[in-house]
Amino acid sequence: MSSHTINHTSKRYVNDNARVAEVREAAHAKLQGRKRFYDTVTIANINDVEGMKEDARVVVSSGVDGGEGGLKLGKGLEEEDEVYEDWYTILLDGRKLRTPAKRGLVIPSRKLAEAVRNEWDYQVDYVEPSSMPLTSLCYTAIDQVAGEKEWTRGNVIRYLRNDTLCYWVGMEDEGRVIRRMQEDRWGKVIEWVKSEDGLGEDPYIETGIGGRGGLKHPEELVLKAENMLKDMDLWELTAMQSLTMETKSCLLGLACMSTAVTVEEACKAGRVEEDFNIEQWGLVEGGHDFDILNNRIGVRAACMFVEWIREGRGGGEVK
């Protein structure tokens, strides 16, 4: 069976994903191969660091009262110190860490801030940006998603039209093995999509090689997916975008964000074709193993990122 049978998404959004990658590449270009240039890494509340509340205001924007800004805080602006009491930044040798776009790195979660601090502290002789996925997500939230929420939602929803989890192979002899893998790894997600806890509609499932017009999902399903995205603040939307790109599936990303699947289940669901090819032809050391590792890191980092953000405001947990 040729690999193009179910691989419909990976090459479709090159230009859009290149735009997302600009933030990551900016950080990589600035730091890649650079010797560790700091001794100490500490966390500070932004109330205690000059100028950081101004940076946080840019991120929060009108989101405080449920608008298009950054975080649904559920608090007013009358007591600014209280509003930002759970916002933190990272200091390198006492100096404020800034994003590639030179914005202040403000993080609305103590646990997430501690994890970002650890990423920087674990660098040894040289700084390796690829080993700091949570830092990268923070940069993406502040430098890209904060100013482009509508574009980001559009970038994510486009995956729904060619969602990998909706392309199933037939049960002919050569397709039985991969079809069983699809049923085992995708079935739980599809059942969640159909449920009232999910999108409450049956997604359009294409069997075999799909047409050029994309998947013909019910309009109500698309509308509910769009509304789910609109309900996400910039931090959640950042995680959702990352999960969608890592797994090539908007439906799987939504299932992760809704805690309908575990991190391990999400990793397996996003790698059906790749794992099938490894079973058939063997694992290439230095290739497939790195791909598997990077995929797991990307999915797990996005799930931890949103879990700690939600925990900071009493929200749900990603399994």
C-alpha atoms as a PDB file:
ATOM      1  CA  MET A   1       0.000   0.000   0.000  1.00  0.00           C
ATOM      2  CA  SER A   2       1.458   3.352  -0.988  1.00  0.00           C
ATOM      3  CA  SER A   3       1.980   5.910   1.748  1.00  0.00           C
ATOM      4  CA  HIS A   4      -0.183   8.538   0.035  1.00  0.00           C
ATOM      5  CA  THR A   5      -3.299   6.559   0.894  1.00  0.00           C
ATOM      6  CA  ILE A   6      -3.810   8.308   4.225  1.00  0.00           C
ATOM      7  CA  ASN A   7      -1.210  11.077   4.195  1.00  0.00           C
ATOM      8  CA  HIS A   8      -3.342  14.005   3.062  1.00  0.00           C
ATOM      9  CA  THR A   9      -2.314  16.772   5.414  1.00  0.00           C
ATOM     10  CA  SER A  10       1.446  16.890   5.778  1.00  0.00           C
ATOM     11  CA  LYS A  11       2.158  18.888   2.608  1.00  0.00           C
ATOM     12  CA  ARG A  12      -0.941  21.072   2.450  1.00  0.00           C
ATOM     13  CA  TYR A  13      -0.098  23.917   4.800  1.00  0.00           C
ATOM     14  CA  VAL A  14       3.580  24.547   4.129  1.00  0.00           C
ATOM     15  CA  ASN A  15       3.202  28.319   3.757  1.00  0.00           C
ATOM     16  CA  ASP A  16       0.981  28.721   6.828  1.00  0.00           C
ATOM     17  CA  ASN A  17       3.170  26.538   9.010  1.00  0.00           C
ATOM     18  CA  ALA A  18       6.272  28.348   7.798  1.00  0.00           C
ATOM     19  CA  ARG A  19       4.699  31.489   9.215  1.00  0.00           C
ATOM     20  CA  VAL A  20       4.263  29.786  12.594  1.00  0.00           C
ATOM     21  CA  ALA A  21       7.808  28.449  12.445  1.00  0.00           C
ATOM     22  CA  GLU A  22       9.237  31.973  12.074  1.00  0.00           C
ATOM     23  CA  VAL A  23       8.970  32.521  15.834  1.00  0.00           C
ATOM     24  CA  ARG A  24      10.756  29.269  16.622  1.00  0.00           C
ATOM     25  CA  GLU A  25      13.404  29.867  13.996  1.00  0.00           C
ATOM     26  CA  ALA A  26      14.039  33.379  15.313  1.00  0.00           C
ATOM     27  CA  ALA A  27      14.854  31.932  18.725  1.00  0.00           C
ATOM     28  CA  HIS A  28      16.954  29.163  17.239  1.00  0.00           C
ATOM     29  CA  ALA A  29      18.921  31.555  15.037  1.00  0.00           C
ATOM     30  CA  LYS A  30      19.639  33.810  17.995  1.00  0.00           C
ATOM     31  CA  LEU A  31      20.715  31.075  20.396  1.00  0.00           C
ATOM     32  CA  GLN A  32      21.741  28.012  18.370  1.00  0.00           C
ATOM     33  CA  GLY A  33      25.342  27.074  19.108  1.00  0.00           C
ATOM     34  CA  ARG A  34      25.824  29.960  21.506  1.00  0.00           C
ATOM     35  CA  LYS A  35      27.812  29.241  24.639  1.00  0.00           C
ATOM     36  CA  ARG A  36      25.868  29.428  27.863  1.00  0.00           C
ATOM     37  CA  PHE A  37      26.115  33.150  28.628  1.00  0.00           C
ATOM     38  CA  TYR A  38      24.621  33.215  32.135  1.00  0.00           C
ATOM     39  CA  ASP A  39      25.312  31.658  35.512  1.00  0.00           C
ATOM     40  CA  THR A  40      22.032  31.849  37.404  1.00  0.00           C
ATOM     41  CA  VAL A  41      18.409  31.347  36.370  1.00  0.00           C
ATOM     42  CA  THR A  42      15.679  32.579  38.715  1.00  0.00           C
ATOM     43  CA  ILE A  43      11.943  33.208  38.758  1.00  0.00           C
ATOM     44  CA  ALA A  44      10.461  36.548  39.775  1.00  0.00           C
ATOM     45  CA  ASN A  45       6.898  37.762  40.191  1.00  0.00           C
ATOM     46  CA  ILE A  46       6.302  40.487  37.632  1.00  0.00           C
ATOM     47  CA  ASN A  47       5.114  42.850  40.384  1.00  0.00           C
ATOM     48  CA  ASP A  48       8.701  42.832  41.638  1.00  0.00           C
ATOM     49  CA  VAL A  49      10.400  43.519  38.283  1.00  0.00           C
ATOM     50  CA  GLU A  50      10.401  46.998  36.823  1.00  0.00           C
ATOM     51  CA  GLY A  51       8.478  47.323  33.576  1.00  0.00           C
ATOM     52  CA  MET A  52       7.085  43.789  33.519  1.00  0.00           C
ATOM     53  CA  LYS A  53       3.488  44.759  34.322  1.00  0.00           C
ATOM     54  CA  GLU A  54       3.489  46.879  31.160  1.00  0.00           C
ATOM     55  CA  ASP A  55       4.576  43.809  29.192  1.00  0.00           C
ATOM     56  CA  ALA A  56       1.804  41.767  30.807  1.00  0.00           C
ATOM     57  CA  ARG A  57      -0.810  44.391  29.912  1.00  0.00           C
ATOM     58  CA  VAL A  58       0.050  43.949  26.238  1.00  0.00           C
ATOM     59  CA  VAL A  59      -0.523  40.197  26.536  1.00  0.00           C
ATOM     60  CA  VAL A  60      -3.704  40.438  28.614  1.00  0.00           C
ATOM     61  CA  SER A  61      -5.222  43.286  26.576  1.00  0.00           C
ATOM     62  CA  SER A  62      -9.040  43.123  26.755  1.00  0.00           C
ATOM     63  CA  GLY A  63      -9.018  39.438  27.707  1.00  0.00           C
ATOM     64  CA  VAL A  64      -9.588  40.384  31.357  1.00  0.00           C
ATOM     65  CA  ASP A  65     -13.248  41.114  30.602  1.00  0.00           C
ATOM     66  CA  GLY A  66     -13.750  38.254  28.135  1.00  0.00           C
ATOM     67  CA  GLY A  67     -12.644  40.057  24.987  1.00  0.00           C
ATOM     68  CA  GLU A  68      -9.980  39.124  22.460  1.00  0.00           C
ATOM     69  CA  GLY A  69      -7.021  39.419  24.804  1.00  0.00           C
ATOM     70  CA  GLY A  70      -4.710  36.944  26.345  1.00  0.00           C
ATOM     71  CA  LEU A  71      -6.013  35.290  29.508  1.00  0.00           C
ATOM     72  CA  LYS A  72      -9.408  34.927  31.128  1.00  0.00           C
ATOM     73  CA  LEU A  73      -8.382  36.124  34.565  1.00  0.00           C
ATOM     74  CA  GLY A  74     -11.796  36.666  36.073  1.00  0.00           C
ATOM     75  CA  LYS A  75     -10.498  39.739  37.911  1.00  0.00           C
ATOM     76  CA  GLY A  76     -10.805  43.456  37.406  1.00  0.00           C
ATOM     77  CA  LEU A  77      -8.022  45.958  36.933  1.00  0.00           C
ATOM     78  CA  GLU A  78      -8.749  47.932  40.101  1.00  0.00           C
ATOM     79  CA  GLU A  79      -6.100  46.024  42.049  1.00  0.00           C
ATOM     80  CA  GLU A  80      -3.331  45.533  39.508  1.00  0.00           C
ATOM     81  CA  ASP A  81      -0.931  43.862  41.911  1.00  0.00           C
ATOM     82  CA  GLU A  82      -3.599  41.259  42.676  1.00  0.00           C
ATOM     83  CA  VAL A  83      -4.350  40.740  38.988  1.00  0.00           C
ATOM     84  CA  TYR A  84      -0.723  39.906  38.302  1.00  0.00           C
ATOM     85  CA  GLU A  85       0.108  38.101  41.541  1.00  0.00           C
ATOM     86  CA  ASP A  86       0.395  34.772  39.705  1.00  0.00           C
ATOM     87  CA  TRP A  87       2.377  36.093  36.725  1.00  0.00           C
ATOM     88  CA  TYR A  88       6.098  35.419  36.564  1.00  0.00           C
ATOM     89  CA  THR A  89       9.159  36.080  34.478  1.00  0.00           C
ATOM     90  CA  ILE A  90      12.606  34.524  34.139  1.00  0.00           C
ATOM     91  CA  LEU A  91      15.826  36.294  35.086  1.00  0.00           C
ATOM     92  CA  LEU A  92      19.239  35.341  33.728  1.00  0.00           C
ATOM     93  CA  ASP A  93      21.859  36.701  36.115  1.00  0.00           C
ATOM     94  CA  GLY A  94      19.170  39.114  37.308  1.00  0.00           C
ATOM     95  CA  ARG A  95      18.378  40.372  33.788  1.00  0.00           C
ATOM     96  CA  LYS A  96      14.921  39.986  32.247  1.00  0.00           C
ATOM     97  CA  LEU A  97      14.592  37.252  29.639  1.00  0.00           C
ATOM     98  CA  ARG A  98      12.918  38.574  26.496  1.00  0.00           C
ATOM     99  CA  THR A  99      11.301  36.889  23.506  1.00  0.00           C
ATOM    100  CA  PRO A 100      12.906  36.916  20.033  1.00  0.00           C
ATOM    101  CA  ALA A 101      10.694  39.948  19.237  1.00  0.00           C
ATOM    102  CA  LYS A 102      12.145  41.628  22.360  1.00  0.00           C
ATOM    103  CA  ARG A 103       8.890  41.490  24.296  1.00  0.00           C
ATOM    104  CA  GLY A 104       8.881  40.703  27.987  1.00  0.00           C
ATOM    105  CA  LEU A 105       8.538  37.010  28.797  1.00  0.00           C
ATOM    106  CA  VAL A 106       5.465  36.974  31.068  1.00  0.00           C
ATOM    107  CA  ILE A 107       4.054  33.625  32.238  1.00  0.00           C
ATOM    108  CA  PRO A 108       0.685  33.325  34.071  1.00  0.00           C
ATOM    109  CA  SER A 109       1.576  30.122  35.931  1.00  0.00           C
ATOM    110  CA  ARG A 110       4.111  29.366  38.641  1.00  0.00           C
ATOM    111  CA  LYS A 111       4.538  25.736  37.548  1.00  0.00           C
ATOM    112  CA  LEU A 112       5.049  26.703  33.919  1.00  0.00           C
ATOM    113  CA  ALA A 113       7.538  29.387  34.931  1.00  0.00           C
ATOM    114  CA  GLU A 114       9.470  26.827  37.001  1.00  0.00           C
ATOM    115  CA  ALA A 115       9.577  24.449  34.023  1.00  0.00           C
ATOM    116  CA  VAL A 116      10.839  27.222  31.718  1.00  0.00           C
ATOM    117  CA  ARG A 117      13.471  28.131  34.306  1.00  0.00           C
ATOM    118  CA  ASN A 118      14.578  24.503  34.426  1.00  0.00           C
ATOM    119  CA  GLU A 119      14.901  24.372  30.632  1.00  0.00           C
ATOM    120  CA  TRP A 120      17.332  27.278  30.765  1.00  0.00           C
ATOM    121  CA  ASP A 121      19.149  25.967  33.820  1.00  0.00           C
ATOM    122  CA  TYR A 122      19.653  22.530  32.246  1.00  0.00           C
ATOM    123  CA  GLN A 123      21.685  23.989  29.378  1.00  0.00           C
ATOM    124  CA  VAL A 124      25.324  23.038  29.929  1.00  0.00           C
ATOM    125  CA  ASP A 125      28.103  24.338  27.685  1.00  0.00           C
ATOM    126  CA  TYR A 126      25.941  25.503  24.783  1.00  0.00           C
ATOM    127  CA  VAL A 127      22.339  26.661  24.511  1.00  0.00           C
ATOM    128  CA  GLU A 128      20.210  24.222  22.502  1.00  0.00           C
ATOM    129  CA  PRO A 129      16.776  25.744  21.699  1.00  0.00           C
ATOM    130  CA  SER A 130      15.336  22.409  20.534  1.00  0.00           C
ATOM    131  CA  SER A 131      15.656  21.150  24.124  1.00  0.00           C
ATOM    132  CA  MET A 132      13.412  23.982  25.387  1.00  0.00           C
ATOM    133  CA  PRO A 133       9.923  23.253  23.977  1.00  0.00           C
ATOM    134  CA  LEU A 134       8.063  25.080  26.757  1.00  0.00           C
ATOM    135  CA  THR A 135      10.133  28.204  26.241  1.00  0.00           C
ATOM    136  CA  SER A 136       9.333  27.959  22.531  1.00  0.00           C
ATOM    137  CA  LEU A 137       5.597  27.733  23.247  1.00  0.00           C
ATOM    138  CA  CYS A 138       5.783  30.810  25.485  1.00  0.00           C
ATOM    139  CA  TYR A 139       7.573  32.703  22.721  1.00  0.00           C
ATOM    140  CA  THR A 140       4.956  31.607  20.189  1.00  0.00           C
ATOM    141  CA  ALA A 141       2.094  32.690  22.444  1.00  0.00           C
ATOM    142  CA  ILE A 142       3.523  36.159  23.001  1.00  0.00           C
ATOM    143  CA  ASP A 143       5.187  36.900  19.657  1.00  0.00           C
ATOM    144  CA  GLN A 144       2.742  35.234  17.257  1.00  0.00           C
ATOM    145  CA  VAL A 145      -0.616  34.164  18.685  1.00  0.00           C
ATOM    146  CA  ALA A 146      -1.235  37.234  20.892  1.00  0.00           C
ATOM    147  CA  GLY A 147      -1.349  39.465  17.833  1.00  0.00           C
ATOM    148  CA  GLU A 148      -2.871  36.957  15.404  1.00  0.00           C
ATOM    149  CA  LYS A 149      -5.598  35.027  17.190  1.00  0.00           C
ATOM    150  CA  GLU A 150      -8.004  35.104  14.246  1.00  0.00           C
ATOM    151  CA  TRP A 151      -5.307  33.978  11.818  1.00  0.00           C
ATOM    152  CA  THR A 152      -4.210  31.232  14.217  1.00  0.00           C
ATOM    153  CA  ARG A 153      -7.763  29.928  14.546  1.00  0.00           C
ATOM    154  CA  GLY A 154      -8.016  29.875  10.760  1.00  0.00           C
ATOM    155  CA  ASN A 155      -4.722  28.024  10.472  1.00  0.00           C
ATOM    156  CA  VAL A 156      -5.945  25.349  12.900  1.00  0.00           C
ATOM    157  CA  ILE A 157      -9.432  24.929  11.408  1.00  0.00           C
ATOM    158  CA  ARG A 158      -7.950  24.385   7.936  1.00  0.00           C
ATOM    159  CA  TYR A 159      -6.643  21.038   9.135  1.00  0.00           C
ATOM    160  CA  LEU A 160     -10.250  19.948   9.677  1.00  0.00           C
ATOM    161  CA  ARG A 161     -10.883  19.971   5.930  1.00  0.00           C
ATOM    162  CA  ASN A 162      -8.180  17.344   5.412  1.00  0.00           C
ATOM    163  CA  ASP A 163      -7.958  15.885   8.887  1.00  0.00           C
ATOM    164  CA  THR A 164      -5.696  12.833   8.977  1.00  0.00           C
ATOM    165  CA  LEU A 165      -8.040  10.972  11.350  1.00  0.00           C
ATOM    166  CA  CYS A 166     -10.812  11.066   8.746  1.00  0.00           C
ATOM    167  CA  TYR A 167      -8.941   9.173   6.015  1.00  0.00           C
ATOM    168  CA  TRP A 168      -9.360   5.440   6.562  1.00  0.00           C
ATOM    169  CA  VAL A 169      -8.081   2.682   4.311  1.00  0.00           C
ATOM    170  CA  GLY A 170     -10.346  -0.091   3.051  1.00  0.00           C
ATOM    171  CA  MET A 171     -10.333  -3.651   4.334  1.00  0.00           C
ATOM    172  CA  GLU A 172      -8.740  -5.188   1.246  1.00  0.00           C
ATOM    173  CA  ASP A 173      -5.864  -7.569   1.971  1.00  0.00           C
ATOM    174  CA  GLU A 174      -3.091  -4.996   1.828  1.00  0.00           C
ATOM    175  CA  GLY A 175      -4.991  -2.546   4.007  1.00  0.00           C
ATOM    176  CA  ARG A 176      -6.102  -4.747   6.884  1.00  0.00           C
ATOM    177  CA  VAL A 177      -3.080  -4.170   9.126  1.00  0.00           C
ATOM    178  CA  ILE A 178      -3.148  -0.397   8.916  1.00  0.00           C
ATOM    179  CA  ARG A 179      -6.951  -0.364   9.146  1.00  0.00           C
ATOM    180  CA  ARG A 180      -6.735  -2.224  12.456  1.00  0.00           C
ATOM    181  CA  MET A 181      -4.184   0.322  13.658  1.00  0.00           C
ATOM    182  CA  GLN A 182      -6.550   3.127  12.674  1.00  0.00           C
ATOM    183  CA  GLU A 183      -9.472   1.520  14.485  1.00  0.00           C
ATOM    184  CA  ASP A 184      -7.372   0.935  17.586  1.00  0.00           C
ATOM    185  CA  ARG A 185      -5.786   4.396  17.736  1.00  0.00           C
ATOM    186  CA  TRP A 186      -8.420   6.647  16.150  1.00  0.00           C
ATOM    187  CA  GLY A 187     -11.659   5.009  17.254  1.00  0.00           C
ATOM    188  CA  LYS A 188     -11.695   6.641  20.691  1.00  0.00           C
ATOM    189  CA  VAL A 189     -11.197  10.104  19.195  1.00  0.00           C
ATOM    190  CA  ILE A 190     -13.937   9.637  16.583  1.00  0.00           C
ATOM    191  CA  GLU A 191     -16.362   8.438  19.271  1.00  0.00           C
ATOM    192  CA  TRP A 192     -15.560  11.544  21.329  1.00  0.00           C
ATOM    193  CA  VAL A 193     -16.169  13.754  18.283  1.00  0.00           C
ATOM    194  CA  LYS A 194     -19.621  12.182  17.860  1.00  0.00           C
ATOM    195  CA  SER A 195     -20.516  12.578  21.535  1.00  0.00           C
ATOM    196  CA  GLU A 196     -22.225  15.545  23.180  1.00  0.00           C
ATOM    197  CA  ASP A 197     -19.004  16.167  25.122  1.00  0.00           C
ATOM    198  CA  GLY A 198     -17.248  16.535  21.784  1.00  0.00           C
ATOM    199  CA  LEU A 199     -18.692  18.061  18.623  1.00  0.00           C
ATOM    200  CA  GLY A 200     -21.954  16.123  18.691  1.00  0.00           C
ATOM    201  CA  GLU A 201     -21.818  15.253  14.996  1.00  0.00           C
ATOM    202  CA  ASP A 202     -20.447  12.432  12.868  1.00  0.00           C
ATOM    203  CA  PRO A 203     -17.327  13.583  11.004  1.00  0.00           C
ATOM    204  CA  TYR A 204     -17.104  12.804   7.305  1.00  0.00           C
ATOM    205  CA  ILE A 205     -14.913   9.722   6.883  1.00  0.00           C
ATOM    206  CA  GLU A 206     -13.181   9.111   3.552  1.00  0.00           C
ATOM    207  CA  THR A 207     -12.216   5.545   2.713  1.00  0.00           C
ATOM    208  CA  GLY A 208      -9.327   5.083   0.312  1.00  0.00           C
ATOM    209  CA  ILE A 209      -7.793   7.975  -1.598  1.00  0.00           C
ATOM    210  CA  GLY A 210      -9.797  11.134  -1.010  1.00  0.00           C
ATOM    211  CA  GLY A 211     -10.850  13.701  -3.553  1.00  0.00           C
ATOM    212  CA  ARG A 212      -9.417  17.148  -4.069  1.00  0.00           C
ATOM    213  CA  GLY A 213     -12.328  19.028  -2.533  1.00  0.00           C
ATOM    214  CA  GLY A 214     -11.526  18.123   1.051  1.00  0.00           C
ATOM    215  CA  LEU A 215     -13.707  16.448   3.642  1.00  0.00           C
ATOM    216  CA  LYS A 216     -17.413  17.321   3.579  1.00  0.00           C
ATOM    217  CA  HIS A 217     -18.029  17.586   7.321  1.00  0.00           C
ATOM    218  CA  PRO A 218     -21.475  18.656   8.577  1.00  0.00           C
ATOM    219  CA  GLU A 219     -21.687  22.431   8.888  1.00  0.00           C
ATOM    220  CA  GLU A 220     -22.706  22.080  12.536  1.00  0.00           C
ATOM    221  CA  LEU A 221     -19.531  20.119  13.302  1.00  0.00           C
ATOM    222  CA  VAL A 222     -17.347  22.788  11.716  1.00  0.00           C
ATOM    223  CA  LEU A 223     -19.222  25.536  13.560  1.00  0.00           C
ATOM    224  CA  LYS A 224     -18.796  23.793  16.928  1.00  0.00           C
ATOM    225  CA  ALA A 225     -15.073  23.305  16.264  1.00  0.00           C
ATOM    226  CA  GLU A 226     -14.743  26.998  15.406  1.00  0.00           C
ATOM    227  CA  ASN A 227     -16.588  27.954  18.600  1.00  0.00           C
ATOM    228  CA  MET A 228     -14.275  25.745  20.659  1.00  0.00           C
ATOM    229  CA  LEU A 229     -11.327  27.612  19.215  1.00  0.00           C
ATOM    230  CA  LYS A 230     -12.961  30.995  19.894  1.00  0.00           C
ATOM    231  CA  ASP A 231     -13.383  30.014  23.537  1.00  0.00           C
ATOM    232  CA  MET A 232      -9.636  29.428  23.919  1.00  0.00           C
ATOM    233  CA  ASP A 233      -7.405  32.176  25.260  1.00  0.00           C
ATOM    234  CA  LEU A 234      -4.069  32.785  23.587  1.00  0.00           C
ATOM    235  CA  TRP A 235      -2.236  30.237  25.782  1.00  0.00           C
ATOM    236  CA  GLU A 236      -4.749  27.482  25.052  1.00  0.00           C
ATOM    237  CA  LEU A 237      -4.798  28.423  21.371  1.00  0.00           C
ATOM    238  CA  THR A 238      -1.007  28.221  21.262  1.00  0.00           C
ATOM    239  CA  ALA A 239      -1.119  24.680  22.663  1.00  0.00           C
ATOM    240  CA  MET A 240      -3.950  23.743  20.295  1.00  0.00           C
ATOM    241  CA  GLN A 241      -2.011  24.979  17.277  1.00  0.00           C
ATOM    242  CA  SER A 242       1.058  23.011  18.348  1.00  0.00           C
ATOM    243  CA  LEU A 243      -0.943  19.808  18.938  1.00  0.00           C
ATOM    244  CA  THR A 244      -2.688  20.140  15.580  1.00  0.00           C
ATOM    245  CA  MET A 245       0.576  20.610  13.716  1.00  0.00           C
ATOM    246  CA  GLU A 246       2.312  17.792  15.587  1.00  0.00           C
ATOM    247  CA  THR A 247      -0.494  15.287  14.960  1.00  0.00           C
ATOM    248  CA  LYS A 248      -1.759  16.674  11.623  1.00  0.00           C
ATOM    249  CA  SER A 249      -5.263  16.593  13.050  1.00  0.00           C
ATOM    250  CA  CYS A 250      -7.583  19.306  14.326  1.00  0.00           C
ATOM    251  CA  LEU A 251      -9.923  16.666  15.788  1.00  0.00           C
ATOM    252  CA  LEU A 252      -7.119  15.020  17.732  1.00  0.00           C
ATOM    253  CA  GLY A 253      -5.957  18.411  18.983  1.00  0.00           C
ATOM    254  CA  LEU A 254      -9.454  19.217  20.244  1.00  0.00           C
ATOM    255  CA  ALA A 255      -9.666  15.815  21.931  1.00  0.00           C
ATOM    256  CA  CYS A 256      -6.380  16.500  23.730  1.00  0.00           C
ATOM    257  CA  MET A 257      -7.523  19.944  24.828  1.00  0.00           C
ATOM    258  CA  SER A 258     -10.768  18.433  26.132  1.00  0.00           C
ATOM    259  CA  THR A 259      -8.846  15.688  28.023  1.00  0.00           C
ATOM    260  CA  ALA A 260     -10.677  12.998  26.032  1.00  0.00           C
ATOM    261  CA  VAL A 261      -7.381  11.213  25.291  1.00  0.00           C
ATOM    262  CA  THR A 262      -4.109  10.803  27.149  1.00  0.00           C
ATOM    263  CA  VAL A 263      -0.787  12.131  25.934  1.00  0.00           C
ATOM    264  CA  GLU A 264       0.316   8.603  25.050  1.00  0.00           C
ATOM    265  CA  GLU A 265      -2.881   7.970  23.080  1.00  0.00           C
ATOM    266  CA  ALA A 266      -2.424  11.248  21.216  1.00  0.00           C
ATOM    267  CA  CYS A 267       1.170  10.372  20.288  1.00  0.00           C
ATOM    268  CA  LYS A 268       0.112   6.981  18.918  1.00  0.00           C
ATOM    269  CA  ALA A 269      -2.898   8.389  17.068  1.00  0.00           C
ATOM    270  CA  GLY A 270      -0.710  10.945  15.322  1.00  0.00           C
ATOM    271  CA  ARG A 271       1.761   8.342  14.061  1.00  0.00           C
ATOM    272  CA  VAL A 272      -0.323   5.565  12.475  1.00  0.00           C
ATOM    273  CA  GLU A 273       1.211   5.747   9.019  1.00  0.00           C
ATOM    274  CA  GLU A 274       4.747   6.212  10.293  1.00  0.00           C
ATOM    275  CA  ASP A 275       4.475   3.295  12.737  1.00  0.00           C
ATOM    276  CA  PHE A 276       2.934   1.091  10.048  1.00  0.00           C
ATOM    277  CA  ASN A 277       5.877   1.795   7.737  1.00  0.00           C
ATOM    278  CA  ILE A 278       8.323   1.004  10.549  1.00  0.00           C
ATOM    279  CA  GLU A 279       6.548  -2.312  11.157  1.00  0.00           C
ATOM    280  CA  GLN A 280       6.778  -3.142   7.456  1.00  0.00           C
ATOM    281  CA  TRP A 281      10.285  -1.925   6.649  1.00  0.00           C
ATOM    282  CA  GLY A 282      12.051  -1.533   9.981  1.00  0.00           C
ATOM    283  CA  LEU A 283      13.260   1.398  12.055  1.00  0.00           C
ATOM    284  CA  VAL A 284      16.029   3.600  10.686  1.00  0.00           C
ATOM    285  CA  GLU A 285      18.310   4.590  13.555  1.00  0.00           C
ATOM    286  CA  GLY A 286      19.083   8.265  13.589  1.00  0.00           C
ATOM    287  CA  GLY A 287      15.891   8.921  11.609  1.00  0.00           C
ATOM    288  CA  HIS A 288      12.707   7.277  12.789  1.00  0.00           C
ATOM    289  CA  ASP A 289      13.801   7.164  16.418  1.00  0.00           C
ATOM    290  CA  PHE A 290      14.478  10.911  16.441  1.00  0.00           C
ATOM    291  CA  ASP A 291      11.122  11.579  14.768  1.00  0.00           C
ATOM    292  CA  ILE A 292       9.327   9.532  17.434  1.00  0.00           C
ATOM    293  CA  LEU A 293      11.178  11.313  20.234  1.00  0.00           C
ATOM    294  CA  ASN A 294      10.536  14.788  18.812  1.00  0.00           C
ATOM    295  CA  ASN A 295       6.854  13.996  18.304  1.00  0.00           C
ATOM    296  CA  ARG A 296       6.475  12.819  21.894  1.00  0.00           C
ATOM    297  CA  ILE A 297       8.288  15.888  23.189  1.00  0.00           C
ATOM    298  CA  GLY A 298       6.090  18.210  21.115  1.00  0.00           C
ATOM    299  CA  VAL A 299       2.793  16.624  22.148  1.00  0.00           C
ATOM    300  CA  ARG A 300       3.736  16.245  25.813  1.00  0.00           C
ATOM    301  CA  ALA A 301       5.074  19.811  26.027  1.00  0.00           C
ATOM    302  CA  ALA A 302       1.850  21.268  24.584  1.00  0.00           C
ATOM    303  CA  CYS A 303      -0.265  19.216  27.022  1.00  0.00           C
ATOM    304  CA  MET A 304       1.814  20.220  30.045  1.00  0.00           C
ATOM    305  CA  PHE A 305       1.795  23.835  28.866  1.00  0.00           C
ATOM    306  CA  VAL A 306      -1.997  24.098  28.783  1.00  0.00           C
ATOM    307  CA  GLU A 307      -2.444  21.982  31.937  1.00  0.00           C
ATOM    308  CA  TRP A 308      -0.306  24.350  34.002  1.00  0.00           C
ATOM    309  CA  ILE A 309      -1.990  27.418  32.498  1.00  0.00           C
ATOM    310  CA  ARG A 310      -5.414  26.035  33.434  1.00  0.00           C
ATOM    311  CA  GLU A 311      -4.232  24.914  36.843  1.00  0.00           C
ATOM    312  CA  GLY A 312      -3.137  28.459  37.551  1.00  0.00           C
ATOM    313  CA  ARG A 313      -6.745  29.607  37.198  1.00  0.00           C
ATOM    314  CA  GLY A 314      -8.453  26.461  38.561  1.00  0.00           C
ATOM    315  CA  GLY A 315      -9.121  24.841  35.191  1.00  0.00           C
ATOM    316  CA  GLY A 316      -9.059  21.241  34.029  1.00  0.00           C
ATOM    317  CA  GLU A 317      -6.173  18.845  33.739  1.00  0.00           C
ATOM    318  CA  VAL A 318      -4.797  17.338  30.538  1.00  0.00           C
ATOM    319  CA  LYS A 319      -4.308  13.642  31.171  1.00  0.00           C
END
